[in-house]
Amino acid sequence: FVAAISTSGGRTAYADSVKGRFTISRDNAKNTVYLQM
């Protein structure tokens, strides 16, 4: 597991090893989820 995001994007969770360095986000209008590393 690396990262998770809720349906609206309002909640996120990360593995301890990536906290502070990785960011998960989503754009529901584009049906796309992102992982910034």
PDB file of all heavy atoms in Angstrom:
ATOM      1  N   PHE A   1       0.832  -1.199   0.000  1.00  0.00           N
ATOM      2  CA  PHE A   1       0.000   0.000   0.000  1.00  0.00           C
ATOM      3  C   PHE A   1       0.868   1.252   0.000  1.00  0.00           C
ATOM      4  O   PHE A   1       1.859   1.335   0.733  1.00  0.00           O
ATOM      5  CB  PHE A   1      -0.906  -0.003   1.226  1.00  0.00           C
ATOM      6  CG  PHE A   1      -1.593   1.314   1.487  1.00  0.00           C
ATOM      7  CD1 PHE A   1      -2.638   1.722   0.683  1.00  0.00           C
ATOM      8  CD2 PHE A   1      -1.179   2.134   2.520  1.00  0.00           C
ATOM      9  CE1 PHE A   1      -3.268   2.938   0.910  1.00  0.00           C
ATOM     10  CE2 PHE A   1      -1.802   3.341   2.770  1.00  0.00           C
ATOM     11  CZ  PHE A   1      -2.849   3.746   1.963  1.00  0.00           C
ATOM     12  N   VAL A   2       0.473   2.232  -0.799  1.00  0.00           N
ATOM     13  CA  VAL A   2       1.179   3.504  -0.857  1.00  0.00           C
ATOM     14  C   VAL A   2       0.288   4.645  -0.385  1.00  0.00           C
ATOM     15  O   VAL A   2       0.650   5.392   0.516  1.00  0.00           O
ATOM     16  CB  VAL A   2       1.690   3.798  -2.283  1.00  0.00           C
ATOM     17  CG1 VAL A   2       2.349   5.176  -2.341  1.00  0.00           C
ATOM     18  CG2 VAL A   2       2.670   2.726  -2.740  1.00  0.00           C
ATOM     19  N   ALA A   3      -0.884   4.779  -1.007  1.00  0.00           N
ATOM     20  CA  ALA A   3      -1.757   5.908  -0.679  1.00  0.00           C
ATOM     21  C   ALA A   3      -3.191   5.581  -1.073  1.00  0.00           C
ATOM     22  O   ALA A   3      -3.422   4.780  -1.976  1.00  0.00           O
ATOM     23  CB  ALA A   3      -1.304   7.172  -1.389  1.00  0.00           C
ATOM     24  N   ALA A   4      -4.143   6.217  -0.390  1.00  0.00           N
ATOM     25  CA  ALA A   4      -5.562   6.029  -0.685  1.00  0.00           C
ATOM     26  C   ALA A   4      -6.272   7.368  -0.604  1.00  0.00           C
ATOM     27  O   ALA A   4      -5.843   8.269   0.132  1.00  0.00           O
ATOM     28  CB  ALA A   4      -6.186   5.039   0.283  1.00  0.00           C
ATOM     29  N   ILE A   5      -7.375   7.461  -1.343  1.00  0.00           N
ATOM     30  CA  ILE A   5      -8.161   8.686  -1.332  1.00  0.00           C
ATOM     31  C   ILE A   5      -9.637   8.320  -1.370  1.00  0.00           C
ATOM     32  O   ILE A   5     -10.033   7.338  -2.016  1.00  0.00           O
ATOM     33  CB  ILE A   5      -7.752   9.585  -2.523  1.00  0.00           C
ATOM     34  CG1 ILE A   5      -8.371  10.981  -2.394  1.00  0.00           C
ATOM     35  CG2 ILE A   5      -8.103   8.940  -3.867  1.00  0.00           C
ATOM     36  CD1 ILE A   5      -7.739  12.006  -3.318  1.00  0.00           C
ATOM     37  N   SER A   6     -10.439   9.098  -0.674  1.00  0.00           N
ATOM     38  CA  SER A   6     -11.872   8.832  -0.602  1.00  0.00           C
ATOM     39  C   SER A   6     -12.570   9.309  -1.866  1.00  0.00           C
ATOM     40  O   SER A   6     -11.969   9.934  -2.736  1.00  0.00           O
ATOM     41  CB  SER A   6     -12.455   9.517   0.625  1.00  0.00           C
ATOM     42  OG  SER A   6     -12.302  10.929   0.521  1.00  0.00           O
ATOM     43  N   THR A   7     -13.851   9.033  -1.948  1.00  0.00           N
ATOM     44  CA  THR A   7     -14.608   9.321  -3.168  1.00  0.00           C
ATOM     45  C   THR A   7     -14.570  10.793  -3.565  1.00  0.00           C
ATOM     46  O   THR A   7     -14.437  11.117  -4.744  1.00  0.00           O
ATOM     47  CB  THR A   7     -16.066   8.876  -3.011  1.00  0.00           C
ATOM     48  OG1 THR A   7     -16.589   9.453  -1.804  1.00  0.00           O
ATOM     49  CG2 THR A   7     -16.187   7.360  -2.943  1.00  0.00           C
ATOM     50  N   SER A   8     -14.672  11.674  -2.598  1.00  0.00           N
ATOM     51  CA  SER A   8     -14.679  13.110  -2.920  1.00  0.00           C
ATOM     52  C   SER A   8     -13.271  13.699  -2.964  1.00  0.00           C
ATOM     53  O   SER A   8     -13.079  14.820  -3.443  1.00  0.00           O
ATOM     54  CB  SER A   8     -15.486  13.882  -1.882  1.00  0.00           C
ATOM     55  OG  SER A   8     -14.783  13.938  -0.649  1.00  0.00           O
ATOM     56  N   GLY A   9     -12.307  12.955  -2.423  1.00  0.00           N
ATOM     57  CA  GLY A   9     -10.960  13.490  -2.295  1.00  0.00           C
ATOM     58  C   GLY A   9     -10.721  14.185  -0.967  1.00  0.00           C
ATOM     59  O   GLY A   9      -9.627  14.666  -0.700  1.00  0.00           O
ATOM     60  N   GLY A  10     -11.731  14.197  -0.122  1.00  0.00           N
ATOM     61  CA  GLY A  10     -11.620  14.917   1.128  1.00  0.00           C
ATOM     62  C   GLY A  10     -10.796  14.222   2.186  1.00  0.00           C
ATOM     63  O   GLY A  10     -10.355  14.853   3.156  1.00  0.00           O
ATOM     64  N   ARG A  11     -10.611  12.927   2.033  1.00  0.00           N
ATOM     65  CA  ARG A  11      -9.802  12.163   2.988  1.00  0.00           C
ATOM     66  C   ARG A  11      -8.717  11.415   2.243  1.00  0.00           C
ATOM     67  O   ARG A  11      -8.953  10.888   1.152  1.00  0.00           O
ATOM     68  CB  ARG A  11     -10.663  11.168   3.759  1.00  0.00           C
ATOM     69  CG  ARG A  11     -11.760  11.799   4.618  1.00  0.00           C
ATOM     70  CD  ARG A  11     -12.495  10.708   5.370  1.00  0.00           C
ATOM     71  NE  ARG A  11     -11.620  10.095   6.378  1.00  0.00           N
ATOM     72  CZ  ARG A  11     -11.694   8.812   6.726  1.00  0.00           C
ATOM     73  NH1 ARG A  11     -12.555   8.008   6.152  1.00  0.00           N
ATOM     74  NH2 ARG A  11     -10.902   8.342   7.661  1.00  0.00           N
ATOM     75  N   THR A  12      -7.536  11.355   2.841  1.00  0.00           N
ATOM     76  CA  THR A  12      -6.415  10.627   2.258  1.00  0.00           C
ATOM     77  C   THR A  12      -5.691   9.835   3.342  1.00  0.00           C
ATOM     78  O   THR A  12      -5.799  10.148   4.542  1.00  0.00           O
ATOM     79  CB  THR A  12      -5.406  11.572   1.577  1.00  0.00           C
ATOM     80  OG1 THR A  12      -4.949  12.534   2.538  1.00  0.00           O
ATOM     81  CG2 THR A  12      -6.031  12.290   0.389  1.00  0.00           C
ATOM     82  N   ALA A  13      -4.955   8.827   2.897  1.00  0.00           N
ATOM     83  CA  ALA A  13      -4.132   8.031   3.816  1.00  0.00           C
ATOM     84  C   ALA A  13      -2.856   7.642   3.087  1.00  0.00           C
ATOM     85  O   ALA A  13      -2.863   7.469   1.858  1.00  0.00           O
ATOM     86  CB  ALA A  13      -4.883   6.787   4.275  1.00  0.00           C
ATOM     87  N   TYR A  14      -1.781   7.498   3.857  1.00  0.00           N
ATOM     88  CA  TYR A  14      -0.483   7.194   3.264  1.00  0.00           C
ATOM     89  C   TYR A  14       0.250   6.138   4.084  1.00  0.00           C
ATOM     90  O   TYR A  14       0.090   6.063   5.311  1.00  0.00           O
ATOM     91  CB  TYR A  14       0.394   8.449   3.211  1.00  0.00           C
ATOM     92  CG  TYR A  14      -0.173   9.542   2.347  1.00  0.00           C
ATOM     93  CD1 TYR A  14      -0.978  10.530   2.899  1.00  0.00           C
ATOM     94  CD2 TYR A  14       0.093   9.586   0.984  1.00  0.00           C
ATOM     95  CE1 TYR A  14      -1.514  11.539   2.106  1.00  0.00           C
ATOM     96  CE2 TYR A  14      -0.432  10.588   0.187  1.00  0.00           C
ATOM     97  CZ  TYR A  14      -1.235  11.561   0.755  1.00  0.00           C
ATOM     98  OH  TYR A  14      -1.767  12.546  -0.034  1.00  0.00           O
ATOM     99  N   ALA A  15       1.078   5.378   3.406  1.00  0.00           N
ATOM    100  CA  ALA A  15       2.024   4.523   4.104  1.00  0.00           C
ATOM    101  C   ALA A  15       3.012   5.418   4.838  1.00  0.00           C
ATOM    102  O   ALA A  15       3.352   6.511   4.368  1.00  0.00           O
ATOM    103  CB  ALA A  15       2.761   3.629   3.112  1.00  0.00           C
ATOM    104  N   ASP A  16       3.467   4.959   5.989  1.00  0.00           N
ATOM    105  CA  ASP A  16       4.390   5.775   6.787  1.00  0.00           C
ATOM    106  C   ASP A  16       5.628   6.169   5.991  1.00  0.00           C
ATOM    107  O   ASP A  16       6.161   7.269   6.156  1.00  0.00           O
ATOM    108  CB  ASP A  16       4.804   5.002   8.046  1.00  0.00           C
ATOM    109  CG  ASP A  16       3.684   4.918   9.067  1.00  0.00           C
ATOM    110  OD1 ASP A  16       2.710   5.689   8.950  1.00  0.00           O
ATOM    111  OD2 ASP A  16       3.779   4.058   9.961  1.00  0.00           O
ATOM    112  N   SER A  17       6.085   5.282   5.129  1.00  0.00           N
ATOM    113  CA  SER A  17       7.331   5.511   4.403  1.00  0.00           C
ATOM    114  C   SER A  17       7.239   6.644   3.381  1.00  0.00           C
ATOM    115  O   SER A  17       8.270   7.159   2.942  1.00  0.00           O
ATOM    116  CB  SER A  17       7.766   4.230   3.695  1.00  0.00           C
ATOM    117  OG  SER A  17       6.776   3.819   2.779  1.00  0.00           O
ATOM    118  N   VAL A  18       6.026   7.037   3.008  1.00  0.00           N
ATOM    119  CA  VAL A  18       5.882   8.079   1.974  1.00  0.00           C
ATOM    120  C   VAL A  18       5.241   9.357   2.498  1.00  0.00           C
ATOM    121  O   VAL A  18       5.130  10.336   1.761  1.00  0.00           O
ATOM    122  CB  VAL A  18       5.070   7.560   0.765  1.00  0.00           C
ATOM    123  CG1 VAL A  18       5.662   6.256   0.233  1.00  0.00           C
ATOM    124  CG2 VAL A  18       3.598   7.388   1.098  1.00  0.00           C
ATOM    125  N   LYS A  19       4.829   9.352   3.746  1.00  0.00           N
ATOM    126  CA  LYS A  19       4.187  10.544   4.315  1.00  0.00           C
ATOM    127  C   LYS A  19       5.108  11.750   4.205  1.00  0.00           C
ATOM    128  O   LYS A  19       6.296  11.672   4.517  1.00  0.00           O
ATOM    129  CB  LYS A  19       3.827  10.302   5.782  1.00  0.00           C
ATOM    130  CG  LYS A  19       2.573   9.480   5.982  1.00  0.00           C
ATOM    131  CD  LYS A  19       2.281   9.288   7.462  1.00  0.00           C
ATOM    132  CE  LYS A  19       1.042   8.419   7.663  1.00  0.00           C
ATOM    133  NZ  LYS A  19       0.794   8.136   9.096  1.00  0.00           N
ATOM    134  N   GLY A  20       4.539  12.852   3.763  1.00  0.00           N
ATOM    135  CA  GLY A  20       5.308  14.083   3.618  1.00  0.00           C
ATOM    136  C   GLY A  20       6.029  14.209   2.288  1.00  0.00           C
ATOM    137  O   GLY A  20       6.533  15.285   1.955  1.00  0.00           O
ATOM    138  N   ARG A  21       6.087  13.119   1.513  1.00  0.00           N
ATOM    139  CA  ARG A  21       6.763  13.159   0.207  1.00  0.00           C
ATOM    140  C   ARG A  21       5.809  12.875  -0.948  1.00  0.00           C
ATOM    141  O   ARG A  21       6.009  13.395  -2.048  1.00  0.00           O
ATOM    142  CB  ARG A  21       7.916  12.157   0.186  1.00  0.00           C
ATOM    143  CG  ARG A  21       9.000  12.406   1.206  1.00  0.00           C
ATOM    144  CD  ARG A  21      10.169  11.439   1.017  1.00  0.00           C
ATOM    145  NE  ARG A  21       9.761  10.051   1.219  1.00  0.00           N
ATOM    146  CZ  ARG A  21       9.773   9.121   0.256  1.00  0.00           C
ATOM    147  NH1 ARG A  21      10.218   9.414  -0.948  1.00  0.00           N
ATOM    148  NH2 ARG A  21       9.384   7.882   0.529  1.00  0.00           N
ATOM    149  N   PHE A  22       4.819  12.051  -0.730  1.00  0.00           N
ATOM    150  CA  PHE A  22       3.859  11.692  -1.772  1.00  0.00           C
ATOM    151  C   PHE A  22       2.519  12.359  -1.482  1.00  0.00           C
ATOM    152  O   PHE A  22       2.123  12.520  -0.321  1.00  0.00           O
ATOM    153  CB  PHE A  22       3.647  10.174  -1.815  1.00  0.00           C
ATOM    154  CG  PHE A  22       4.796   9.378  -2.368  1.00  0.00           C
ATOM    155  CD1 PHE A  22       6.074   9.928  -2.489  1.00  0.00           C
ATOM    156  CD2 PHE A  22       4.607   8.063  -2.749  1.00  0.00           C
ATOM    157  CE1 PHE A  22       7.132   9.184  -2.988  1.00  0.00           C
ATOM    158  CE2 PHE A  22       5.645   7.304  -3.254  1.00  0.00           C
ATOM    159  CZ  PHE A  22       6.907   7.874  -3.364  1.00  0.00           C
ATOM    160  N   THR A  23       1.810  12.703  -2.552  1.00  0.00           N
ATOM    161  CA  THR A  23       0.484  13.292  -2.422  1.00  0.00           C
ATOM    162  C   THR A  23      -0.458  12.637  -3.420  1.00  0.00           C
ATOM    163  O   THR A  23      -0.186  12.638  -4.630  1.00  0.00           O
ATOM    164  CB  THR A  23       0.516  14.803  -2.678  1.00  0.00           C
ATOM    165  OG1 THR A  23       1.445  15.426  -1.792  1.00  0.00           O
ATOM    166  CG2 THR A  23      -0.866  15.405  -2.458  1.00  0.00           C
ATOM    167  N   ILE A  24      -1.563  12.100  -2.907  1.00  0.00           N
ATOM    168  CA  ILE A  24      -2.582  11.527  -3.779  1.00  0.00           C
ATOM    169  C   ILE A  24      -3.694  12.548  -3.958  1.00  0.00           C
ATOM    170  O   ILE A  24      -4.047  13.276  -3.019  1.00  0.00           O
ATOM    171  CB  ILE A  24      -3.133  10.194  -3.203  1.00  0.00           C
ATOM    172  CG1 ILE A  24      -4.064   9.519  -4.202  1.00  0.00           C
ATOM    173  CG2 ILE A  24      -3.800  10.414  -1.854  1.00  0.00           C
ATOM    174  CD1 ILE A  24      -4.471   8.099  -3.785  1.00  0.00           C
ATOM    175  N   SER A  25      -4.228  12.620  -5.156  1.00  0.00           N
ATOM    176  CA  SER A  25      -5.335  13.542  -5.430  1.00  0.00           C
ATOM    177  C   SER A  25      -6.194  12.939  -6.534  1.00  0.00           C
ATOM    178  O   SER A  25      -5.794  11.962  -7.175  1.00  0.00           O
ATOM    179  CB  SER A  25      -4.815  14.927  -5.847  1.00  0.00           C
ATOM    180  OG  SER A  25      -4.037  14.838  -7.035  1.00  0.00           O
ATOM    181  N   ARG A  26      -7.358  13.512  -6.753  1.00  0.00           N
ATOM    182  CA  ARG A  26      -8.239  13.006  -7.800  1.00  0.00           C
ATOM    183  C   ARG A  26      -9.014  14.153  -8.408  1.00  0.00           C
ATOM    184  O   ARG A  26      -9.265  15.177  -7.766  1.00  0.00           O
ATOM    185  CB  ARG A  26      -9.194  11.942  -7.254  1.00  0.00           C
ATOM    186  CG  ARG A  26     -10.188  12.441  -6.228  1.00  0.00           C
ATOM    187  CD  ARG A  26     -10.942  11.272  -5.588  1.00  0.00           C
ATOM    188  NE  ARG A  26     -11.777  10.564  -6.542  1.00  0.00           N
ATOM    189  CZ  ARG A  26     -12.251   9.335  -6.343  1.00  0.00           C
ATOM    190  NH1 ARG A  26     -11.956   8.682  -5.236  1.00  0.00           N
ATOM    191  NH2 ARG A  26     -13.027   8.766  -7.245  1.00  0.00           N
ATOM    192  N   ASP A  27      -9.400  13.955  -9.652  1.00  0.00           N
ATOM    193  CA  ASP A  27     -10.247  14.898 -10.365  1.00  0.00           C
ATOM    194  C   ASP A  27     -11.443  14.103 -10.873  1.00  0.00           C
ATOM    195  O   ASP A  27     -11.335  13.381 -11.876  1.00  0.00           O
ATOM    196  CB  ASP A  27      -9.473  15.542 -11.521  1.00  0.00           C
ATOM    197  CG  ASP A  27     -10.258  16.626 -12.227  1.00  0.00           C
ATOM    198  OD1 ASP A  27     -11.506  16.615 -12.157  1.00  0.00           O
ATOM    199  OD2 ASP A  27      -9.629  17.471 -12.874  1.00  0.00           O
ATOM    200  N   ASN A  28     -12.554  14.204 -10.193  1.00  0.00           N
ATOM    201  CA  ASN A  28     -13.727  13.399 -10.553  1.00  0.00           C
ATOM    202  C   ASN A  28     -14.314  13.810 -11.901  1.00  0.00           C
ATOM    203  O   ASN A  28     -14.970  13.011 -12.564  1.00  0.00           O
ATOM    204  CB  ASN A  28     -14.773  13.467  -9.451  1.00  0.00           C
ATOM    205  CG  ASN A  28     -14.392  12.624  -8.251  1.00  0.00           C
ATOM    206  OD1 ASN A  28     -13.440  11.835  -8.297  1.00  0.00           O
ATOM    207  ND2 ASN A  28     -15.119  12.792  -7.148  1.00  0.00           N
ATOM    208  N   ALA A  29     -14.080  15.025 -12.307  1.00  0.00           N
ATOM    209  CA  ALA A  29     -14.572  15.470 -13.612  1.00  0.00           C
ATOM    210  C   ALA A  29     -13.793  14.816 -14.752  1.00  0.00           C
ATOM    211  O   ALA A  29     -14.305  14.679 -15.862  1.00  0.00           O
ATOM    212  CB  ALA A  29     -14.487  16.982 -13.722  1.00  0.00           C
ATOM    213  N   LYS A  30     -12.557  14.425 -14.453  1.00  0.00           N
ATOM    214  CA  LYS A  30     -11.708  13.808 -15.476  1.00  0.00           C
ATOM    215  C   LYS A  30     -11.543  12.300 -15.256  1.00  0.00           C
ATOM    216  O   LYS A  30     -10.784  11.648 -15.973  1.00  0.00           O
ATOM    217  CB  LYS A  30     -10.331  14.473 -15.484  1.00  0.00           C
ATOM    218  CG  LYS A  30     -10.366  15.927 -15.904  1.00  0.00           C
ATOM    219  CD  LYS A  30      -8.961  16.514 -15.952  1.00  0.00           C
ATOM    220  CE  LYS A  30      -8.988  17.963 -16.415  1.00  0.00           C
ATOM    221  NZ  LYS A  30      -7.632  18.564 -16.452  1.00  0.00           N
ATOM    222  N   ASN A  31     -12.213  11.759 -14.244  1.00  0.00           N
ATOM    223  CA  ASN A  31     -12.092  10.322 -13.937  1.00  0.00           C
ATOM    224  C   ASN A  31     -10.634   9.910 -13.769  1.00  0.00           C
ATOM    225  O   ASN A  31     -10.205   8.854 -14.272  1.00  0.00           O
ATOM    226  CB  ASN A  31     -12.742   9.473 -15.031  1.00  0.00           C
ATOM    227  CG  ASN A  31     -14.250   9.485 -14.956  1.00  0.00           C
ATOM    228  OD1 ASN A  31     -14.838  10.273 -14.214  1.00  0.00           O
ATOM    229  ND2 ASN A  31     -14.886   8.649 -15.749  1.00  0.00           N
ATOM    230  N   THR A  32      -9.879  10.715 -13.063  1.00  0.00           N
ATOM    231  CA  THR A  32      -8.443  10.480 -12.950  1.00  0.00           C
ATOM    232  C   THR A  32      -7.980  10.651 -11.506  1.00  0.00           C
ATOM    233  O   THR A  32      -8.430  11.573 -10.817  1.00  0.00           O
ATOM    234  CB  THR A  32      -7.671  11.437 -13.868  1.00  0.00           C
ATOM    235  OG1 THR A  32      -8.103  11.250 -15.220  1.00  0.00           O
ATOM    236  CG2 THR A  32      -6.172  11.174 -13.802  1.00  0.00           C
ATOM    237  N   VAL A  33      -7.073   9.775 -11.101  1.00  0.00           N
ATOM    238  CA  VAL A  33      -6.422   9.885  -9.808  1.00  0.00           C
ATOM    239  C   VAL A  33      -4.928  10.056 -10.063  1.00  0.00           C
ATOM    240  O   VAL A  33      -4.387   9.509 -11.032  1.00  0.00           O
ATOM    241  CB  VAL A  33      -6.726   8.661  -8.918  1.00  0.00           C
ATOM    242  CG1 VAL A  33      -6.197   7.368  -9.533  1.00  0.00           C
ATOM    243  CG2 VAL A  33      -6.156   8.854  -7.514  1.00  0.00           C
ATOM    244  N   TYR A  34      -4.290  10.827  -9.204  1.00  0.00           N
ATOM    245  CA  TYR A  34      -2.885  11.165  -9.377  1.00  0.00           C
ATOM    246  C   TYR A  34      -2.066  10.748  -8.154  1.00  0.00           C
ATOM    247  O   TYR A  34      -2.600  10.653  -7.042  1.00  0.00           O
ATOM    248  CB  TYR A  34      -2.712  12.675  -9.585  1.00  0.00           C
ATOM    249  CG  TYR A  34      -3.534  13.238 -10.700  1.00  0.00           C
ATOM    250  CD1 TYR A  34      -4.777  13.820 -10.450  1.00  0.00           C
ATOM    251  CD2 TYR A  34      -3.081  13.203 -12.013  1.00  0.00           C
ATOM    252  CE1 TYR A  34      -5.540  14.357 -11.474  1.00  0.00           C
ATOM    253  CE2 TYR A  34      -3.841  13.730 -13.046  1.00  0.00           C
ATOM    254  CZ  TYR A  34      -5.066  14.304 -12.765  1.00  0.00           C
ATOM    255  OH  TYR A  34      -5.821  14.827 -13.786  1.00  0.00           O
ATOM    256  N   LEU A  35      -0.788  10.557  -8.372  1.00  0.00           N
ATOM    257  CA  LEU A  35       0.141  10.361  -7.276  1.00  0.00           C
ATOM    258  C   LEU A  35       1.378  11.211  -7.552  1.00  0.00           C
ATOM    259  O   LEU A  35       2.153  10.906  -8.460  1.00  0.00           O
ATOM    260  CB  LEU A  35       0.539   8.895  -7.115  1.00  0.00           C
ATOM    261  CG  LEU A  35       1.435   8.608  -5.905  1.00  0.00           C
ATOM    262  CD1 LEU A  35       0.661   8.827  -4.599  1.00  0.00           C
ATOM    263  CD2 LEU A  35       1.973   7.183  -5.954  1.00  0.00           C
ATOM    264  N   GLN A  36       1.515  12.296  -6.808  1.00  0.00           N
ATOM    265  CA  GLN A  36       2.701  13.142  -6.903  1.00  0.00           C
ATOM    266  C   GLN A  36       3.749  12.585  -5.963  1.00  0.00           C
ATOM    267  O   GLN A  36       3.503  12.467  -4.761  1.00  0.00           O
ATOM    268  CB  GLN A  36       2.356  14.583  -6.519  1.00  0.00           C
ATOM    269  CG  GLN A  36       3.544  15.528  -6.495  1.00  0.00           C
ATOM    270  CD  GLN A  36       4.126  15.774  -7.865  1.00  0.00           C
ATOM    271  OE1 GLN A  36       3.396  15.931  -8.832  1.00  0.00           O
ATOM    272  NE2 GLN A  36       5.453  15.828  -7.947  1.00  0.00           N
ATOM    273  N   MET A  37       4.899  12.243  -6.525  1.00  0.00           N
ATOM    274  CA  MET A  37       5.966  11.633  -5.729  1.00  0.00           C
ATOM    275  C   MET A  37       7.185  12.553  -5.744  1.00  0.00           C
ATOM    276  O   MET A  37       7.758  12.810  -6.809  1.00  0.00           O
ATOM    277  CB  MET A  37       6.332  10.264  -6.315  1.00  0.00           C
ATOM    278  CG  MET A  37       5.149   9.324  -6.437  1.00  0.00           C
ATOM    279  SD  MET A  37       5.617   7.659  -6.978  1.00  0.00           S
ATOM    280  CE  MET A  37       6.179   7.999  -8.637  1.00  0.00           C
TER     281      MET A  37
END
